[in-house]
Amino acid sequence: MEIAFNKTAFKHSVSKADIEWAITTAVYEKPKEGTTDTFLAVGYSRAGNPLEIGYREFDDGSYYVFHAMKCQDRWLKEAGIGG
């Protein structure tokens, strides 16, 4: 899986390695309303901290990550894993 990053993905000081881990082991994914290629994923950092990741998925299976941060309680609750 190829993952590209917008610089905004690092705005909240989440590392590239943690984003890659969280997106490839995501426990919840939700398409953005009105789209078929933009998603919010909930996954965990390598240290086990919950993260929310915003990304686009292209037809070739590659990802373009534009958002990553500590997961908000509302997404944990929606994912059924806390909140």
Protein backbone atom coordinates (compact mmCIF):
# COMPACT_ATOMS: atom_id res chain seq x y z
CA MET A 1 0.00 0.00 0.00
CA GLU A 2 1.41 3.36 -1.01
CA ILE A 3 0.69 6.27 1.35
CA ALA A 4 1.39 9.90 0.46
CA PHE A 5 1.12 12.74 2.94
CA ASN A 6 0.01 16.35 2.86
CA LYS A 7 1.98 18.49 5.30
CA THR A 8 -1.29 19.11 7.19
CA ALA A 9 -1.21 15.46 8.29
CA PHE A 10 1.58 16.39 10.70
CA LYS A 11 -0.11 19.51 12.15
CA HIS A 12 -0.88 17.73 15.43
CA SER A 13 2.61 16.16 15.79
CA VAL A 14 1.62 12.61 14.85
CA SER A 15 4.59 10.81 13.26
CA LYS A 16 4.59 9.29 9.80
CA ALA A 17 5.20 5.83 11.28
CA ASP A 18 2.24 6.18 13.66
CA ILE A 19 -0.04 7.38 10.84
CA GLU A 20 1.01 4.46 8.65
CA TRP A 21 0.43 1.99 11.49
CA ALA A 22 -2.97 3.48 12.40
CA ILE A 23 -4.28 3.51 8.84
CA THR A 24 -3.12 0.00 7.97
CA THR A 25 -4.55 -1.47 11.19
CA ALA A 26 -7.66 0.73 11.44
CA VAL A 27 -10.50 -0.63 13.57
CA TYR A 28 -13.12 1.72 12.08
CA GLU A 29 -13.55 3.55 8.79
CA LYS A 30 -16.29 5.91 7.71
CA PRO A 31 -16.70 7.57 4.32
CA LYS A 32 -17.11 11.34 4.38
CA GLU A 33 -20.73 12.15 3.68
CA GLY A 34 -21.34 12.66 -0.02
CA THR A 35 -18.06 11.07 -1.14
CA THR A 36 -16.85 7.65 -2.16
CA ASP A 37 -13.11 8.26 -1.84
CA THR A 38 -12.59 10.29 1.35
CA PHE A 39 -12.59 8.56 4.73
CA LEU A 40 -12.10 8.98 8.45
CA ALA A 41 -10.32 6.05 10.06
CA VAL A 42 -9.84 5.27 13.73
CA GLY A 43 -6.71 3.32 14.53
CA TYR A 44 -3.94 3.17 17.08
CA SER A 45 -0.43 4.54 17.21
CA ARG A 46 2.44 2.11 17.73
CA ALA A 47 2.18 2.95 21.46
CA GLY A 48 -1.52 2.05 21.52
CA ASN A 49 -2.96 5.57 21.59
CA PRO A 50 -6.14 6.07 19.52
CA LEU A 51 -5.77 8.27 16.43
CA GLU A 52 -8.18 9.66 13.86
CA ILE A 53 -6.88 9.75 10.31
CA GLY A 54 -8.43 11.61 7.37
CA TYR A 55 -7.46 10.34 3.93
CA ARG A 56 -8.44 9.84 0.31
CA GLU A 57 -8.20 6.44 -1.34
CA PHE A 58 -7.51 6.31 -5.06
CA ASP A 59 -8.55 3.68 -7.61
CA ASP A 60 -5.05 2.20 -7.60
CA GLY A 61 -5.32 1.54 -3.84
CA SER A 62 -2.97 4.33 -2.78
CA TYR A 63 -3.81 6.68 0.07
CA TYR A 64 -3.35 10.43 0.52
CA VAL A 65 -3.40 11.38 4.20
CA PHE A 66 -4.35 14.96 5.04
CA HIS A 67 -5.33 14.75 8.73
CA ALA A 68 -4.05 12.91 11.82
CA MET A 69 -4.54 13.61 15.50
CA LYS A 70 -5.44 12.13 18.86
CA CYS A 71 -8.85 10.58 18.33
CA GLN A 72 -11.80 12.63 19.55
CA ASP A 73 -14.24 10.96 21.92
CA ARG A 74 -17.09 11.24 19.41
CA TRP A 75 -15.24 9.03 16.90
CA LEU A 76 -14.27 6.52 19.59
CA LYS A 77 -17.90 6.32 20.65
CA GLU A 78 -19.12 5.96 17.05
CA ALA A 79 -16.53 3.25 16.49
CA GLY A 80 -17.85 1.45 19.57
CA ILE A 81 -14.52 1.47 21.39
CA GLY A 82 -14.99 4.13 24.05
CA GLY A 83 -15.70 7.78 24.41
